[in-house]
Full PDB file with SEQRES, HELIX, SHEET, SSBOND, CRYST1, ORIGX, SCALE, CONECT and MASTER records, all heavy atoms in Angstrom:
SEQRES   1 A   44  MET ILE SER GLY SER LEU LEU ILE ASP LYS GLU VAL GLY          
SEQRES   2 A   44  LEU THR SER ARG GLN GLU VAL ASN ASN VAL SER ARG LEU          
SEQRES   3 A   44  LEU LYS GLU LYS LYS ALA GLY HIS ILE GLY THR LEU ASP          
SEQRES   4 A   44  PRO PHE ALA ASP GLY                                          
HELIX    1 AA1 SER A   16  LEU A   27  1                                  12    
CRYST1    1.000    1.000    1.000  90.00  90.00  90.00 P 1           1          
ORIGX1      1.000000  0.000000  0.000000        0.00000                         
ORIGX2      0.000000  1.000000  0.000000        0.00000                         
ORIGX3      0.000000  0.000000  1.000000        0.00000                         
SCALE1      1.000000  0.000000  0.000000        0.00000                         
SCALE2      0.000000  1.000000  0.000000        0.00000                         
SCALE3      0.000000  0.000000  1.000000        0.00000                         
ATOM      1  N   MET A   1     -31.644   8.552  13.094  1.00  0.00           N  
ATOM      2  CA  MET A   1     -30.362   8.557  12.397  1.00  0.00           C  
ATOM      3  C   MET A   1     -30.317   7.478  11.327  1.00  0.00           C  
ATOM      4  O   MET A   1     -30.670   6.326  11.593  1.00  0.00           O  
ATOM      5  CB  MET A   1     -29.197   8.327  13.370  1.00  0.00           C  
ATOM      6  CG  MET A   1     -27.836   8.178  12.691  1.00  0.00           C  
ATOM      7  SD  MET A   1     -26.486   7.713  13.801  1.00  0.00           S  
ATOM      8  CE  MET A   1     -26.167   9.279  14.577  1.00  0.00           C  
ATOM      9  N   ILE A   2     -29.892   7.838  10.124  1.00  0.00           N  
ATOM     10  CA  ILE A   2     -29.699   6.870   9.045  1.00  0.00           C  
ATOM     11  C   ILE A   2     -28.399   6.141   9.314  1.00  0.00           C  
ATOM     12  O   ILE A   2     -27.377   6.735   9.654  1.00  0.00           O  
ATOM     13  CB  ILE A   2     -29.674   7.564   7.706  1.00  0.00           C  
ATOM     14  CG1 ILE A   2     -31.055   8.115   7.338  1.00  0.00           C  
ATOM     15  CG2 ILE A   2     -29.204   6.608   6.600  1.00  0.00           C  
ATOM     16  CD1 ILE A   2     -31.082   8.899   6.051  1.00  0.00           C  
ATOM     17  N   SER A   3     -28.418   4.824   9.134  1.00  0.00           N  
ATOM     18  CA  SER A   3     -27.198   4.048   9.339  1.00  0.00           C  
ATOM     19  C   SER A   3     -27.075   2.953   8.290  1.00  0.00           C  
ATOM     20  O   SER A   3     -28.050   2.253   7.989  1.00  0.00           O  
ATOM     21  CB  SER A   3     -27.201   3.421  10.736  1.00  0.00           C  
ATOM     22  OG  SER A   3     -26.027   2.683  10.958  1.00  0.00           O  
ATOM     23  N   GLY A   4     -25.859   2.800   7.741  1.00  0.00           N  
ATOM     24  CA  GLY A   4     -25.627   1.770   6.738  1.00  0.00           C  
ATOM     25  C   GLY A   4     -24.538   2.165   5.767  1.00  0.00           C  
ATOM     26  O   GLY A   4     -23.980   3.258   5.875  1.00  0.00           O  
ATOM     27  N   SER A   5     -24.234   1.291   4.847  1.00  0.00           N  
ATOM     28  CA  SER A   5     -23.178   1.550   3.851  1.00  0.00           C  
ATOM     29  C   SER A   5     -23.774   1.580   2.443  1.00  0.00           C  
ATOM     30  O   SER A   5     -24.797   0.931   2.170  1.00  0.00           O  
ATOM     31  CB  SER A   5     -22.114   0.449   3.922  1.00  0.00           C  
ATOM     32  OG  SER A   5     -21.565   0.373   5.222  1.00  0.00           O  
ATOM     33  N   LEU A   6     -23.137   2.344   1.582  1.00  0.00           N  
ATOM     34  CA  LEU A   6     -23.594   2.501   0.212  1.00  0.00           C  
ATOM     35  C   LEU A   6     -22.448   2.227  -0.764  1.00  0.00           C  
ATOM     36  O   LEU A   6     -21.297   2.616  -0.508  1.00  0.00           O  
ATOM     37  CB  LEU A   6     -24.125   3.901  -0.032  1.00  0.00           C  
ATOM     38  CG  LEU A   6     -25.414   4.284   0.693  1.00  0.00           C  
ATOM     39  CD1 LEU A   6     -25.609   5.799   0.652  1.00  0.00           C  
ATOM     40  CD2 LEU A   6     -26.619   3.578   0.064  1.00  0.00           C  
ATOM     41  N   LEU A   7     -22.755   1.575  -1.871  1.00  0.00           N  
ATOM     42  CA  LEU A   7     -21.785   1.365  -2.930  1.00  0.00           C  
ATOM     43  C   LEU A   7     -21.969   2.466  -3.955  1.00  0.00           C  
ATOM     44  O   LEU A   7     -22.983   2.517  -4.659  1.00  0.00           O  
ATOM     45  CB  LEU A   7     -21.992  -0.012  -3.574  1.00  0.00           C  
ATOM     46  CG  LEU A   7     -21.987  -1.225  -2.622  1.00  0.00           C  
ATOM     47  CD1 LEU A   7     -22.126  -2.516  -3.413  1.00  0.00           C  
ATOM     48  CD2 LEU A   7     -20.750  -1.241  -1.737  1.00  0.00           C  
ATOM     49  N   ILE A   8     -20.977   3.355  -4.003  1.00  0.00           N  
ATOM     50  CA  ILE A   8     -21.065   4.545  -4.868  1.00  0.00           C  
ATOM     51  C   ILE A   8     -20.145   4.413  -6.069  1.00  0.00           C  
ATOM     52  O   ILE A   8     -19.002   3.977  -5.950  1.00  0.00           O  
ATOM     53  CB  ILE A   8     -20.708   5.811  -4.076  1.00  0.00           C  
ATOM     54  CG1 ILE A   8     -21.667   6.018  -2.885  1.00  0.00           C  
ATOM     55  CG2 ILE A   8     -20.705   7.037  -4.991  1.00  0.00           C  
ATOM     56  CD1 ILE A   8     -23.111   6.190  -3.288  1.00  0.00           C  
ATOM     57  N   ASP A   9     -20.657   4.780  -7.221  1.00  0.00           N  
ATOM     58  CA  ASP A   9     -19.861   4.846  -8.451  1.00  0.00           C  
ATOM     59  C   ASP A   9     -19.297   6.272  -8.567  1.00  0.00           C  
ATOM     60  O   ASP A   9     -19.947   7.154  -9.078  1.00  0.00           O  
ATOM     61  CB  ASP A   9     -20.743   4.506  -9.659  1.00  0.00           C  
ATOM     62  CG  ASP A   9     -19.971   4.500 -10.962  1.00  0.00           C  
ATOM     63  OD1 ASP A   9     -18.746   4.748 -10.947  1.00  0.00           O  
ATOM     64  OD2 ASP A   9     -20.618   4.228 -12.008  1.00  0.00           O  
ATOM     65  N   LYS A  10     -18.089   6.448  -8.061  1.00  0.00           N  
ATOM     66  CA  LYS A  10     -17.465   7.768  -8.044  1.00  0.00           C  
ATOM     67  C   LYS A  10     -17.203   8.267  -9.458  1.00  0.00           C  
ATOM     68  O   LYS A  10     -16.790   7.522 -10.333  1.00  0.00           O  
ATOM     69  CB  LYS A  10     -16.149   7.743  -7.259  1.00  0.00           C  
ATOM     70  CG  LYS A  10     -15.425   9.073  -7.227  1.00  0.00           C  
ATOM     71  CD  LYS A  10     -13.961   8.911  -6.793  1.00  0.00           C  
ATOM     72  CE  LYS A  10     -13.144  10.132  -7.053  1.00  0.00           C  
ATOM     73  NZ  LYS A  10     -13.099  10.577  -8.445  1.00  0.00           N  
ATOM     74  N   GLU A  11     -17.424   9.574  -9.651  1.00  0.00           N  
ATOM     75  CA  GLU A  11     -17.219  10.183 -10.966  1.00  0.00           C  
ATOM     76  C   GLU A  11     -15.818  10.811 -11.079  1.00  0.00           C  
ATOM     77  O   GLU A  11     -15.243  11.246 -10.088  1.00  0.00           O  
ATOM     78  CB  GLU A  11     -18.270  11.273 -11.192  1.00  0.00           C  
ATOM     79  CG  GLU A  11     -19.710  10.752 -11.252  1.00  0.00           C  
ATOM     80  CD  GLU A  11     -20.706  11.851 -11.560  1.00  0.00           C  
ATOM     81  OE1 GLU A  11     -20.307  12.831 -12.203  1.00  0.00           O  
ATOM     82  OE2 GLU A  11     -21.866  11.730 -11.152  1.00  0.00           O  
ATOM     83  N   VAL A  12     -15.293  10.844 -12.301  1.00  0.00           N  
ATOM     84  CA  VAL A  12     -14.014  11.490 -12.575  1.00  0.00           C  
ATOM     85  C   VAL A  12     -14.176  13.001 -12.282  1.00  0.00           C  
ATOM     86  O   VAL A  12     -15.197  13.607 -12.601  1.00  0.00           O  
ATOM     87  CB  VAL A  12     -13.602  11.290 -14.045  1.00  0.00           C  
ATOM     88  CG1 VAL A  12     -12.395  12.148 -14.373  1.00  0.00           C  
ATOM     89  CG2 VAL A  12     -13.305   9.815 -14.302  1.00  0.00           C  
ATOM     90  N   GLY A  13     -13.170  13.575 -11.659  1.00  0.00           N  
ATOM     91  CA  GLY A  13     -13.173  15.019 -11.395  1.00  0.00           C  
ATOM     92  C   GLY A  13     -13.586  15.391  -9.982  1.00  0.00           C  
ATOM     93  O   GLY A  13     -13.331  16.489  -9.550  1.00  0.00           O  
ATOM     94  N   LEU A  14     -14.224  14.465  -9.290  1.00  0.00           N  
ATOM     95  CA  LEU A  14     -14.639  14.713  -7.906  1.00  0.00           C  
ATOM     96  C   LEU A  14     -13.677  14.002  -6.942  1.00  0.00           C  
ATOM     97  O   LEU A  14     -13.158  12.937  -7.239  1.00  0.00           O  
ATOM     98  CB  LEU A  14     -16.049  14.206  -7.656  1.00  0.00           C  
ATOM     99  CG  LEU A  14     -17.193  14.878  -8.442  1.00  0.00           C  
ATOM    100  CD1 LEU A  14     -18.520  14.226  -8.068  1.00  0.00           C  
ATOM    101  CD2 LEU A  14     -17.228  16.361  -8.166  1.00  0.00           C  
ATOM    102  N   THR A  15     -13.459  14.602  -5.770  1.00  0.00           N  
ATOM    103  CA  THR A  15     -12.691  13.939  -4.740  1.00  0.00           C  
ATOM    104  C   THR A  15     -13.621  12.930  -4.049  1.00  0.00           C  
ATOM    105  O   THR A  15     -14.856  13.031  -4.123  1.00  0.00           O  
ATOM    106  CB  THR A  15     -12.163  14.915  -3.693  1.00  0.00           C  
ATOM    107  OG1 THR A  15     -13.278  15.484  -2.992  1.00  0.00           O  
ATOM    108  CG2 THR A  15     -11.341  16.031  -4.349  1.00  0.00           C  
ATOM    109  N   SER A  16     -13.024  12.007  -3.341  1.00  0.00           N  
ATOM    110  CA  SER A  16     -13.817  11.036  -2.583  1.00  0.00           C  
ATOM    111  C   SER A  16     -14.669  11.757  -1.535  1.00  0.00           C  
ATOM    112  O   SER A  16     -15.836  11.411  -1.301  1.00  0.00           O  
ATOM    113  CB  SER A  16     -12.890  10.015  -1.902  1.00  0.00           C  
ATOM    114  OG  SER A  16     -12.209   9.240  -2.867  1.00  0.00           O  
ATOM    115  N   ARG A  17     -14.093  12.788  -0.922  1.00  0.00           N  
ATOM    116  CA  ARG A  17     -14.820  13.546   0.103  1.00  0.00           C  
ATOM    117  C   ARG A  17     -16.017  14.279  -0.505  1.00  0.00           C  
ATOM    118  O   ARG A  17     -17.081  14.348   0.142  1.00  0.00           O  
ATOM    119  CB  ARG A  17     -13.872  14.545   0.759  1.00  0.00           C  
ATOM    120  CG  ARG A  17     -14.464  15.267   1.981  1.00  0.00           C  
ATOM    121  CD  ARG A  17     -14.689  14.302   3.115  1.00  0.00           C  
ATOM    122  NE  ARG A  17     -16.073  14.294   3.575  1.00  0.00           N  
ATOM    123  CZ  ARG A  17     -16.498  13.545   4.576  1.00  0.00           C  
ATOM    124  NH1 ARG A  17     -15.691  12.728   5.222  1.00  0.00           N  
ATOM    125  NH2 ARG A  17     -17.786  13.582   4.947  1.00  0.00           N  
ATOM    126  N   GLN A  18     -15.877  14.770  -1.713  1.00  0.00           N  
ATOM    127  CA  GLN A  18     -17.005  15.439  -2.359  1.00  0.00           C  
ATOM    128  C   GLN A  18     -18.148  14.466  -2.606  1.00  0.00           C  
ATOM    129  O   GLN A  18     -19.332  14.821  -2.427  1.00  0.00           O  
ATOM    130  CB  GLN A  18     -16.559  16.078  -3.671  1.00  0.00           C  
ATOM    131  CG  GLN A  18     -15.734  17.353  -3.497  1.00  0.00           C  
ATOM    132  CD  GLN A  18     -15.179  17.856  -4.806  1.00  0.00           C  
ATOM    133  OE1 GLN A  18     -14.754  17.092  -5.679  1.00  0.00           O  
ATOM    134  NE2 GLN A  18     -15.176  19.179  -4.989  1.00  0.00           N  
ATOM    135  N   GLU A  19     -17.827  13.256  -2.991  1.00  0.00           N  
ATOM    136  CA  GLU A  19     -18.870  12.243  -3.200  1.00  0.00           C  
ATOM    137  C   GLU A  19     -19.541  11.905  -1.883  1.00  0.00           C  
ATOM    138  O   GLU A  19     -20.782  11.739  -1.818  1.00  0.00           O  
ATOM    139  CB  GLU A  19     -18.260  10.958  -3.815  1.00  0.00           C  
ATOM    140  CG  GLU A  19     -17.803  11.105  -5.262  1.00  0.00           C  
ATOM    141  CD  GLU A  19     -18.960  11.074  -6.239  1.00  0.00           C  
ATOM    142  OE1 GLU A  19     -20.074  11.493  -5.889  1.00  0.00           O  
ATOM    143  OE2 GLU A  19     -18.730  10.648  -7.386  1.00  0.00           O  
ATOM    144  N   VAL A  20     -18.780  11.791  -0.810  1.00  0.00           N  
ATOM    145  CA  VAL A  20     -19.343  11.555   0.519  1.00  0.00           C  
ATOM    146  C   VAL A  20     -20.285  12.684   0.903  1.00  0.00           C  
ATOM    147  O   VAL A  20     -21.404  12.456   1.391  1.00  0.00           O  
ATOM    148  CB  VAL A  20     -18.237  11.394   1.593  1.00  0.00           C  
ATOM    149  CG1 VAL A  20     -18.852  11.355   2.989  1.00  0.00           C  
ATOM    150  CG2 VAL A  20     -17.440  10.134   1.326  1.00  0.00           C  
ATOM    151  N   ASN A  21     -19.858  13.911   0.677  1.00  0.00           N  
ATOM    152  CA  ASN A  21     -20.700  15.070   0.987  1.00  0.00           C  
ATOM    153  C   ASN A  21     -21.983  15.075   0.183  1.00  0.00           C  
ATOM    154  O   ASN A  21     -23.055  15.472   0.689  1.00  0.00           O  
ATOM    155  CB  ASN A  21     -19.911  16.364   0.764  1.00  0.00           C  
ATOM    156  CG  ASN A  21     -18.793  16.556   1.757  1.00  0.00           C  
ATOM    157  OD1 ASN A  21     -18.763  15.925   2.806  1.00  0.00           O  
ATOM    158  ND2 ASN A  21     -17.828  17.409   1.420  1.00  0.00           N  
ATOM    159  N   ASN A  22     -21.908  14.659  -1.076  1.00  0.00           N  
ATOM    160  CA  ASN A  22     -23.105  14.584  -1.916  1.00  0.00           C  
ATOM    161  C   ASN A  22     -24.129  13.628  -1.304  1.00  0.00           C  
ATOM    162  O   ASN A  22     -25.322  13.927  -1.245  1.00  0.00           O  
ATOM    163  CB  ASN A  22     -22.744  14.103  -3.311  1.00  0.00           C  
ATOM    164  CG  ASN A  22     -21.998  15.141  -4.141  1.00  0.00           C  
ATOM    165  OD1 ASN A  22     -22.010  16.323  -3.786  1.00  0.00           O  
ATOM    166  ND2 ASN A  22     -21.329  14.701  -5.177  1.00  0.00           N  
ATOM    167  N   VAL A  23     -23.658  12.465  -0.862  1.00  0.00           N  
ATOM    168  CA  VAL A  23     -24.540  11.465  -0.267  1.00  0.00           C  
ATOM    169  C   VAL A  23     -25.073  11.990   1.067  1.00  0.00           C  
ATOM    170  O   VAL A  23     -26.261  11.835   1.383  1.00  0.00           O  
ATOM    171  CB  VAL A  23     -23.775  10.147  -0.020  1.00  0.00           C  
ATOM    172  CG1 VAL A  23     -24.638   9.173   0.791  1.00  0.00           C  
ATOM    173  CG2 VAL A  23     -23.373   9.526  -1.353  1.00  0.00           C  
ATOM    174  N   SER A  24     -24.210  12.622   1.847  1.00  0.00           N  
ATOM    175  CA  SER A  24     -24.609  13.175   3.157  1.00  0.00           C  
ATOM    176  C   SER A  24     -25.743  14.180   3.018  1.00  0.00           C  
ATOM    177  O   SER A  24     -26.712  14.147   3.788  1.00  0.00           O  
ATOM    178  CB  SER A  24     -23.385  13.820   3.831  1.00  0.00           C  
ATOM    179  OG  SER A  24     -23.719  14.357   5.075  1.00  0.00           O  
ATOM    180  N   ARG A  25     -25.639  15.046   2.038  1.00  0.00           N  
ATOM    181  CA  ARG A  25     -26.678  16.066   1.813  1.00  0.00           C  
ATOM    182  C   ARG A  25     -27.969  15.421   1.315  1.00  0.00           C  
ATOM    183  O   ARG A  25     -29.069  15.759   1.753  1.00  0.00           O  
ATOM    184  CB  ARG A  25     -26.189  17.112   0.814  1.00  0.00           C  
ATOM    185  CG  ARG A  25     -25.200  18.119   1.408  1.00  0.00           C  
ATOM    186  CD  ARG A  25     -24.988  19.273   0.433  1.00  0.00           C  
ATOM    187  NE  ARG A  25     -24.382  18.834  -0.811  1.00  0.00           N  
ATOM    188  CZ  ARG A  25     -23.072  18.808  -1.027  1.00  0.00           C  
ATOM    189  NH1 ARG A  25     -22.231  19.199  -0.062  1.00  0.00           N  
ATOM    190  NH2 ARG A  25     -22.568  18.435  -2.168  1.00  0.00           N  
ATOM    191  N   LEU A  26     -27.819  14.491   0.383  1.00  0.00           N  
ATOM    192  CA  LEU A  26     -29.001  13.849  -0.209  1.00  0.00           C  
ATOM    193  C   LEU A  26     -29.806  13.078   0.805  1.00  0.00           C  
ATOM    194  O   LEU A  26     -31.052  13.160   0.839  1.00  0.00           O  
ATOM    195  CB  LEU A  26     -28.559  12.904  -1.338  1.00  0.00           C  
ATOM    196  CG  LEU A  26     -29.666  12.164  -2.095  1.00  0.00           C  
ATOM    197  CD1 LEU A  26     -30.560  13.162  -2.835  1.00  0.00           C  
ATOM    198  CD2 LEU A  26     -29.093  11.147  -3.058  1.00  0.00           C  
ATOM    199  N   LEU A  27     -29.145  12.349   1.692  1.00  0.00           N  
ATOM    200  CA  LEU A  27     -29.838  11.514   2.681  1.00  0.00           C  
ATOM    201  C   LEU A  27     -29.943  12.190   4.030  1.00  0.00           C  
ATOM    202  O   LEU A  27     -30.443  11.583   4.985  1.00  0.00           O  
ATOM    203  CB  LEU A  27     -29.137  10.171   2.807  1.00  0.00           C  
ATOM    204  CG  LEU A  27     -29.098   9.323   1.530  1.00  0.00           C  
ATOM    205  CD1 LEU A  27     -28.530   7.943   1.815  1.00  0.00           C  
ATOM    206  CD2 LEU A  27     -30.482   9.175   0.909  1.00  0.00           C  
ATOM    207  N   LYS A  28     -29.447  13.422   4.126  1.00  0.00           N  
ATOM    208  CA  LYS A  28     -29.581  14.242   5.337  1.00  0.00           C  
ATOM    209  C   LYS A  28     -28.977  13.535   6.568  1.00  0.00           C  
ATOM    210  O   LYS A  28     -29.600  13.418   7.619  1.00  0.00           O  
ATOM    211  CB  LYS A  28     -31.041  14.594   5.584  1.00  0.00           C  
ATOM    212  CG  LYS A  28     -31.640  15.475   4.495  1.00  0.00           C  
ATOM    213  CD  LYS A  28     -33.104  15.782   4.784  1.00  0.00           C  
ATOM    214  CE  LYS A  28     -33.665  16.782   3.770  1.00  0.00           C  
ATOM    215  NZ  LYS A  28     -33.584  16.302   2.375  1.00  0.00           N  
ATOM    216  N   GLU A  29     -27.765  13.017   6.402  1.00  0.00           N  
ATOM    217  CA  GLU A  29     -27.044  12.385   7.503  1.00  0.00           C  
ATOM    218  C   GLU A  29     -25.640  12.998   7.582  1.00  0.00           C  
ATOM    219  O   GLU A  29     -24.828  12.832   6.674  1.00  0.00           O  
ATOM    220  CB  GLU A  29     -26.942  10.863   7.299  1.00  0.00           C  
ATOM    221  CG  GLU A  29     -26.101  10.142   8.333  1.00  0.00           C  
ATOM    222  CD  GLU A  29     -26.541  10.459   9.758  1.00  0.00           C  
ATOM    223  OE1 GLU A  29     -27.720  10.187  10.097  1.00  0.00           O  
ATOM    224  OE2 GLU A  29     -25.716  10.986  10.530  1.00  0.00           O  
ATOM    225  N   LYS A  30     -25.386  13.740   8.647  1.00  0.00           N  
ATOM    226  CA  LYS A  30     -24.136  14.461   8.777  1.00  0.00           C  
ATOM    227  C   LYS A  30     -22.937  13.561   9.036  1.00  0.00           C  
ATOM    228  O   LYS A  30     -21.810  13.844   8.606  1.00  0.00           O  
ATOM    229  CB  LYS A  30     -24.246  15.505   9.875  1.00  0.00           C  
ATOM    230  CG  LYS A  30     -25.198  16.652   9.561  1.00  0.00           C  
ATOM    231  CD  LYS A  30     -25.228  17.669  10.700  1.00  0.00           C  
ATOM    232  CE  LYS A  30     -26.165  18.819  10.359  1.00  0.00           C  
ATOM    233  NZ  LYS A  30     -26.189  19.832  11.463  1.00  0.00           N  
ATOM    234  N   LYS A  31     -23.164  12.486   9.765  1.00  0.00           N  
ATOM    235  CA  LYS A  31     -22.065  11.588  10.109  1.00  0.00           C  
ATOM    236  C   LYS A  31     -21.795  10.653   8.917  1.00  0.00           C  
ATOM    237  O   LYS A  31     -22.591   9.747   8.635  1.00  0.00           O  
ATOM    238  CB  LYS A  31     -22.395  10.776  11.358  1.00  0.00           C  
ATOM    239  CG  LYS A  31     -21.206  10.086  11.982  1.00  0.00           C  
ATOM    240  CD  LYS A  31     -21.564   9.472  13.319  1.00  0.00           C  
ATOM    241  CE  LYS A  31     -20.327   8.868  13.978  1.00  0.00           C  
ATOM    242  NZ  LYS A  31     -20.647   8.284  15.306  1.00  0.00           N  
ATOM    243  N   ALA A  32     -20.699  10.880   8.238  1.00  0.00           N  
ATOM    244  CA  ALA A  32     -20.434  10.122   7.012  1.00  0.00           C  
ATOM    245  C   ALA A  32     -18.945   9.999   6.755  1.00  0.00           C  
ATOM    246  O   ALA A  32     -18.162  10.874   7.100  1.00  0.00           O  
ATOM    247  CB  ALA A  32     -21.100  10.807   5.805  1.00  0.00           C  
ATOM    248  N   GLY A  33     -18.549   8.873   6.169  1.00  0.00           N  
ATOM    249  CA  GLY A  33     -17.133   8.645   5.836  1.00  0.00           C  
ATOM    250  C   GLY A  33     -17.069   7.693   4.652  1.00  0.00           C  
ATOM    251  O   GLY A  33     -18.075   7.334   4.059  1.00  0.00           O  
ATOM    252  N   HIS A  34     -15.838   7.254   4.309  1.00  0.00           N  
ATOM    253  CA  HIS A  34     -15.689   6.356   3.179  1.00  0.00           C  
ATOM    254  C   HIS A  34     -14.503   5.437   3.376  1.00  0.00           C  
ATOM    255  O   HIS A  34     -13.654   5.646   4.243  1.00  0.00           O  
ATOM    256  CB  HIS A  34     -15.484   7.156   1.869  1.00  0.00           C  
ATOM    257  CG  HIS A  34     -14.210   7.901   1.796  1.00  0.00           C  
ATOM    258  ND1 HIS A  34     -14.025   9.133   2.377  1.00  0.00           N  
ATOM    259  CD2 HIS A  34     -13.013   7.586   1.217  1.00  0.00           C  
ATOM    260  CE1 HIS A  34     -12.786   9.550   2.150  1.00  0.00           C  
ATOM    261  NE2 HIS A  34     -12.163   8.626   1.466  1.00  0.00           N  
ATOM    262  N   ILE A  35     -14.461   4.390   2.555  1.00  0.00           N  
ATOM    263  CA  ILE A  35     -13.378   3.424   2.585  1.00  0.00           C  
ATOM    264  C   ILE A  35     -12.572   3.519   1.284  1.00  0.00           C  
ATOM    265  O   ILE A  35     -13.154   3.433   0.196  1.00  0.00           O  
ATOM    266  CB  ILE A  35     -13.915   1.963   2.699  1.00  0.00           C  
ATOM    267  CG1 ILE A  35     -14.691   1.805   4.021  1.00  0.00           C  
ATOM    268  CG2 ILE A  35     -12.792   0.952   2.628  1.00  0.00           C  
ATOM    269  CD1 ILE A  35     -13.869   1.996   5.252  1.00  0.00           C  
ATOM    270  N   GLY A  36     -11.275   3.712   1.375  1.00  0.00           N  
ATOM    271  CA  GLY A  36     -10.421   3.691   0.207  1.00  0.00           C  
ATOM    272  C   GLY A  36     -10.552   4.950  -0.628  1.00  0.00           C  
ATOM    273  O   GLY A  36     -11.482   5.056  -1.458  1.00  0.00           O  
ATOM    274  N   THR A  37      -9.662   5.892  -0.458  1.00  0.00           N  
ATOM    275  CA  THR A  37      -9.693   7.140  -1.230  1.00  0.00           C  
ATOM    276  C   THR A  37      -9.345   6.904  -2.678  1.00  0.00           C  
ATOM    277  O   THR A  37      -8.425   6.167  -3.011  1.00  0.00           O  
ATOM    278  CB  THR A  37      -8.691   8.148  -0.620  1.00  0.00           C  
ATOM    279  OG1 THR A  37      -9.062   8.414   0.740  1.00  0.00           O  
ATOM    280  CG2 THR A  37      -8.693   9.450  -1.385  1.00  0.00           C  
ATOM    281  N   LEU A  38     -10.116   7.521  -3.566  1.00  0.00           N  
ATOM    282  CA  LEU A  38      -9.814   7.538  -4.992  1.00  0.00           C  
ATOM    283  C   LEU A  38      -9.397   8.941  -5.412  1.00  0.00           C  
ATOM    284  O   LEU A  38     -10.030   9.915  -4.992  1.00  0.00           O  
ATOM    285  CB  LEU A  38     -11.053   7.127  -5.815  1.00  0.00           C  
ATOM    286  CG  LEU A  38     -11.361   5.641  -5.899  1.00  0.00           C  
ATOM    287  CD1 LEU A  38     -12.711   5.426  -6.600  1.00  0.00           C  
ATOM    288  CD2 LEU A  38     -10.275   4.874  -6.625  1.00  0.00           C  
ATOM    289  N   ASP A  39      -8.346   9.044  -6.200  1.00  0.00           N  
ATOM    290  CA  ASP A  39      -7.900  10.352  -6.695  1.00  0.00           C  
ATOM    291  C   ASP A  39      -8.995  10.980  -7.572  1.00  0.00           C  
ATOM    292  O   ASP A  39      -9.804  10.260  -8.181  1.00  0.00           O  
ATOM    293  CB  ASP A  39      -6.624  10.206  -7.536  1.00  0.00           C  
ATOM    294  CG  ASP A  39      -5.461   9.716  -6.685  1.00  0.00           C  
ATOM    295  OD1 ASP A  39      -5.367  10.120  -5.511  1.00  0.00           O  
ATOM    296  OD2 ASP A  39      -4.647   8.945  -7.209  1.00  0.00           O  
ATOM    297  N   PRO A  40      -9.000  12.313  -7.697  1.00  0.00           N  
ATOM    298  CA  PRO A  40     -10.020  12.968  -8.515  1.00  0.00           C  
ATOM    299  C   PRO A  40     -10.036  12.462  -9.957  1.00  0.00           C  
ATOM    300  O   PRO A  40     -11.122  12.359 -10.576  1.00  0.00           O  
ATOM    301  CB  PRO A  40      -9.599  14.440  -8.465  1.00  0.00           C  
ATOM    302  CG  PRO A  40      -8.971  14.577  -7.124  1.00  0.00           C  
ATOM    303  CD  PRO A  40      -8.215  13.303  -6.908  1.00  0.00           C  
ATOM    304  N   PHE A  41      -8.874  12.090 -10.527  1.00  0.00           N  
ATOM    305  CA  PHE A  41      -8.839  11.666 -11.930  1.00  0.00           C  
ATOM    306  C   PHE A  41      -9.399  10.250 -12.081  1.00  0.00           C  
ATOM    307  O   PHE A  41      -9.705   9.822 -13.215  1.00  0.00           O  
ATOM    308  CB  PHE A  41      -7.406  11.715 -12.486  1.00  0.00           C  
ATOM    309  CG  PHE A  41      -6.637  10.448 -12.432  1.00  0.00           C  
ATOM    310  CD1 PHE A  41      -6.509   9.630 -13.538  1.00  0.00           C  
ATOM    311  CD2 PHE A  41      -6.037  10.034 -11.247  1.00  0.00           C  
ATOM    312  CE1 PHE A  41      -5.803   8.452 -13.473  1.00  0.00           C  
ATOM    313  CE2 PHE A  41      -5.321   8.867 -11.159  1.00  0.00           C  
ATOM    314  CZ  PHE A  41      -5.194   8.053 -12.298  1.00  0.00           C  
ATOM    315  N   ALA A  42      -9.547   9.510 -10.991  1.00  0.00           N  
ATOM    316  CA  ALA A  42     -10.016   8.131 -11.029  1.00  0.00           C  
ATOM    317  C   ALA A  42     -11.518   8.049 -10.807  1.00  0.00           C  
ATOM    318  O   ALA A  42     -12.144   8.965 -10.262  1.00  0.00           O  
ATOM    319  CB  ALA A  42      -9.297   7.294  -9.978  1.00  0.00           C  
ATOM    320  N   ASP A  43     -12.115   6.937 -11.231  1.00  0.00           N  
ATOM    321  CA  ASP A  43     -13.521   6.684 -10.969  1.00  0.00           C  
ATOM    322  C   ASP A  43     -13.695   5.285 -10.424  1.00  0.00           C  
ATOM    323  O   ASP A  43     -12.722   4.562 -10.206  1.00  0.00           O  
ATOM    324  CB  ASP A  43     -14.385   6.928 -12.232  1.00  0.00           C  
ATOM    325  CG  ASP A  43     -14.006   6.008 -13.374  1.00  0.00           C  
ATOM    326  OD1 ASP A  43     -13.122   5.132 -13.200  1.00  0.00           O  
ATOM    327  OD2 ASP A  43     -14.587   6.137 -14.474  1.00  0.00           O  
ATOM    328  N   GLY A  44     -14.941   4.890 -10.191  1.00  0.00           N  
ATOM    329  CA  GLY A  44     -15.195   3.532  -9.750  1.00  0.00           C  
ATOM    330  C   GLY A  44     -15.738   3.413  -8.350  1.00  0.00           C  
ATOM    331  O   GLY A  44     -16.277   4.391  -7.788  1.00  0.00           O  
TER     332      GLY A  44                                                      
MASTER        0    0    0    1    0    0    0    6  331    1    0    4          
END                                                                             
């Protein structure tokens, strides 16, 4: 199992959950979450 935290530069237009899912698929780790939701119009 992969374990750890990542600092992601969220893109405009995506939900926070979509970014989490992108990482989950890329690193093949199903158990994934995030800290601090960003609205789709926001980035960072």
